[in-house]
């Protein structure tokens, strides 16, 4: 059996790579974090954090309550919101997650989430948090991901929109 020359291997790799690039890119196209653009420059998948509020009042556990908007052009399902918590040195100290309600979010629709925080280290040491959102397409066949800016955790302002800093 003859050994395959380097030139033949390179040629074969070149042909396969070129063939993949020539194929319809809609099968492979996705923007940063999977929020790809369609032909008319609209985002197929675009999750927007509408509001969020960190609360440690009146419940056994701390929690973050918020809502998201499906600002894209495609239906999304099985959205999982994860809060990543940081201490005052910006080191990650933990995370917590939850699904959204409803399970299926059509374009233009909103969904709510409540992330309960059970970890005492997070409750005591967290100073800020961000979110990740993971979801599946409407056929539950592909996974997508994006990063969303969260808020601050403090004694005076619990990171929610509409909180007042008045000390009357």
Protein backbone atom coordinates (compact mmCIF):
# COMPACT_ATOMS: atom_id res chain seq x y z
CA UNK A 1 0.00 0.00 0.00
CA UNK A 2 1.38 3.41 -0.98
CA UNK A 3 1.72 6.16 1.54
CA UNK A 4 -0.45 9.18 0.84
CA UNK A 5 1.65 12.20 0.00
CA UNK A 6 1.40 15.45 1.94
CA UNK A 7 0.22 17.17 -1.23
CA UNK A 8 -2.72 14.79 -1.61
CA UNK A 9 -3.73 15.25 2.04
CA UNK A 10 -3.51 19.03 1.68
CA UNK A 11 -5.53 18.90 -1.55
CA UNK A 12 -8.24 16.79 0.06
CA UNK A 13 -8.49 19.11 3.09
CA UNK A 14 -8.61 22.14 0.77
CA UNK A 15 -11.43 20.66 -1.32
CA UNK A 16 -13.50 19.71 1.74
CA UNK A 17 -13.01 23.12 3.37
CA UNK A 18 -13.90 24.95 0.16
CA UNK A 19 -16.99 22.78 -0.27
CA UNK A 20 -18.18 23.61 3.22
CA UNK A 21 -17.69 27.32 2.62
CA UNK A 22 -19.60 27.21 -0.65
CA UNK A 23 -22.63 25.48 0.92
CA UNK A 24 -25.59 27.59 1.94
CA UNK A 25 -24.29 29.41 5.01
CA UNK A 26 -27.75 29.58 6.57
CA UNK A 27 -27.07 26.13 8.02
CA UNK A 28 -23.92 27.36 9.73
CA UNK A 29 -24.48 31.09 10.21
CA UNK A 30 -24.79 32.47 13.71
CA UNK A 31 -23.61 35.71 15.21
CA UNK A 32 -21.91 36.13 18.55
CA UNK A 33 -23.40 33.78 21.16
CA UNK A 34 -25.80 32.32 18.59
CA UNK A 35 -27.94 35.43 18.08
CA UNK A 36 -27.55 35.32 14.29
CA UNK A 37 -28.76 37.85 11.77
CA UNK A 38 -31.21 36.96 9.04
CA UNK A 39 -30.97 38.31 5.48
CA UNK A 40 -32.77 41.58 6.31
CA UNK A 41 -30.40 42.37 9.21
CA UNK A 42 -32.96 41.42 11.86
CA UNK A 43 -31.90 39.08 14.60
CA UNK A 44 -33.38 35.61 14.46
CA UNK A 45 -32.62 35.18 18.17
CA UNK A 46 -32.50 38.26 20.36
CA UNK A 47 -33.28 38.06 24.06
CA UNK A 48 -33.61 41.36 25.93
CA UNK A 49 -33.63 41.66 29.72
CA UNK A 50 -36.57 43.98 30.45
CA UNK A 51 -36.23 44.19 34.23
CA UNK A 52 -34.80 42.42 37.24
CA UNK A 53 -34.81 42.92 40.98
CA UNK A 54 -32.73 41.28 43.69
CA UNK A 55 -34.73 40.87 46.86
CA UNK A 56 -33.88 39.59 50.32
CA UNK A 57 -37.05 40.94 51.93
CA UNK A 58 -39.87 38.86 53.34
CA UNK A 59 -38.87 35.43 52.11
CA UNK A 60 -36.90 32.51 53.44
CA UNK A 61 -34.53 32.75 50.47
CA UNK A 62 -33.13 35.65 48.52
CA UNK A 63 -34.36 35.82 44.95
CA UNK A 64 -34.06 37.64 41.65
CA UNK A 65 -37.33 38.30 39.87
CA UNK A 66 -37.32 39.58 36.31
CA UNK A 67 -38.63 39.34 32.78
CA UNK A 68 -37.21 38.95 29.30
CA UNK A 69 -38.46 39.81 25.82
CA UNK A 70 -38.05 37.69 22.71
CA UNK A 71 -37.06 40.54 20.40
CA UNK A 72 -36.05 38.16 17.62
CA UNK A 73 -37.97 36.77 14.68
CA UNK A 74 -38.05 33.10 15.76
CA UNK A 75 -39.88 31.23 18.52
CA UNK A 76 -37.68 30.07 21.41
CA UNK A 77 -38.26 27.34 23.98
CA UNK A 78 -36.82 25.99 27.23
CA UNK A 79 -35.14 29.24 28.29
CA UNK A 80 -32.88 28.89 31.32
CA UNK A 81 -31.79 32.07 33.12
CA UNK A 82 -28.62 31.77 35.21
CA UNK A 83 -27.40 34.48 37.58
CA UNK A 84 -23.62 34.58 38.07
CA UNK A 85 -22.67 36.28 41.35
CA UNK A 86 -19.49 38.27 42.03
CA UNK A 87 -17.94 39.49 45.27
CA UNK A 88 -16.56 43.02 45.73
CA UNK A 89 -13.28 41.90 44.10
CA UNK A 90 -15.21 40.81 40.94
CA UNK A 91 -14.44 37.14 41.62
CA UNK A 92 -17.19 34.66 40.79
CA UNK A 93 -18.61 33.21 44.01
CA UNK A 94 -21.49 31.13 42.69
CA UNK A 95 -24.55 30.90 40.50
CA UNK A 96 -28.24 30.03 40.57
CA UNK A 97 -30.69 29.33 37.77
CA UNK A 98 -34.33 28.95 36.83
CA UNK A 99 -36.55 28.48 33.82
CA UNK A 100 -39.00 31.02 32.46
CA UNK A 101 -42.76 31.09 32.33
CA UNK A 102 -44.05 30.52 29.72
CA UNK A 103 -41.90 27.70 28.35
CA UNK A 104 -42.44 28.79 24.73
CA UNK A 105 -41.79 32.45 23.87
CA UNK A 106 -42.98 33.67 20.48
CA UNK A 107 -41.41 36.72 18.78
CA UNK A 108 -42.50 39.88 20.60
CA UNK A 109 -43.65 37.98 23.71
CA UNK A 110 -42.36 38.26 27.27
CA UNK A 111 -41.56 35.67 29.91
CA UNK A 112 -41.01 35.95 33.66
CA UNK A 113 -38.37 34.24 35.79
CA UNK A 114 -37.67 33.85 39.50
CA UNK A 115 -34.21 32.69 40.54
CA UNK A 116 -34.14 31.55 44.16
CA UNK A 117 -30.81 31.86 45.96
CA UNK A 118 -30.16 29.16 48.55
CA UNK A 119 -26.35 29.45 48.87
CA UNK A 120 -25.44 31.31 52.07
CA UNK A 121 -22.05 32.34 50.62
CA UNK A 122 -23.85 34.16 47.80
CA UNK A 123 -26.33 35.79 50.21
CA UNK A 124 -23.52 37.07 52.43
CA UNK A 125 -20.77 37.93 49.90
CA UNK A 126 -22.43 38.87 46.61
CA UNK A 127 -22.02 42.47 45.48
CA UNK A 128 -23.15 42.15 41.85
CA UNK A 129 -24.46 39.69 39.30
CA UNK A 130 -24.90 39.14 35.56
CA UNK A 131 -27.07 36.71 33.64
CA UNK A 132 -26.71 34.12 30.97
CA UNK A 133 -29.70 32.96 28.98
CA UNK A 134 -29.71 29.56 27.28
CA UNK A 135 -32.52 28.41 25.02
CA UNK A 136 -33.48 26.02 22.26
CA UNK A 137 -35.02 26.69 18.88
CA UNK A 138 -38.69 25.91 18.33
CA UNK A 139 -37.86 22.33 17.28
CA UNK A 140 -35.75 21.75 20.42
CA UNK A 141 -32.85 20.72 18.17
CA UNK A 142 -30.27 23.53 18.61
CA UNK A 143 -28.94 25.32 21.70
CA UNK A 144 -28.21 29.06 21.92
CA UNK A 145 -26.65 31.33 24.53
CA UNK A 146 -26.26 35.00 25.37
CA UNK A 147 -24.84 37.14 28.19
CA UNK A 148 -27.00 39.84 29.84
CA UNK A 149 -25.96 42.62 32.22
CA UNK A 150 -27.37 42.20 35.73
CA UNK A 151 -27.21 44.54 38.70
CA UNK A 152 -25.72 45.40 42.05
CA UNK A 153 -26.51 43.88 45.44
CA UNK A 154 -26.36 46.30 48.36
CA UNK A 155 -28.16 47.09 51.62
CA UNK A 156 -29.73 50.31 50.30
CA UNK A 157 -30.52 49.28 46.73
CA UNK A 158 -31.29 45.64 46.06
CA UNK A 159 -30.47 45.86 42.36
CA UNK A 160 -33.98 46.36 41.06
CA UNK A 161 -35.41 48.96 38.76
CA UNK A 162 -37.63 51.49 40.46
CA UNK A 163 -35.95 51.18 43.86
CA UNK A 164 -35.59 54.46 45.69
CA UNK A 165 -32.46 55.70 47.40
CA UNK A 166 -34.38 58.29 49.45
CA UNK A 167 -33.57 58.30 53.16
CA UNK A 168 -36.60 60.31 54.35
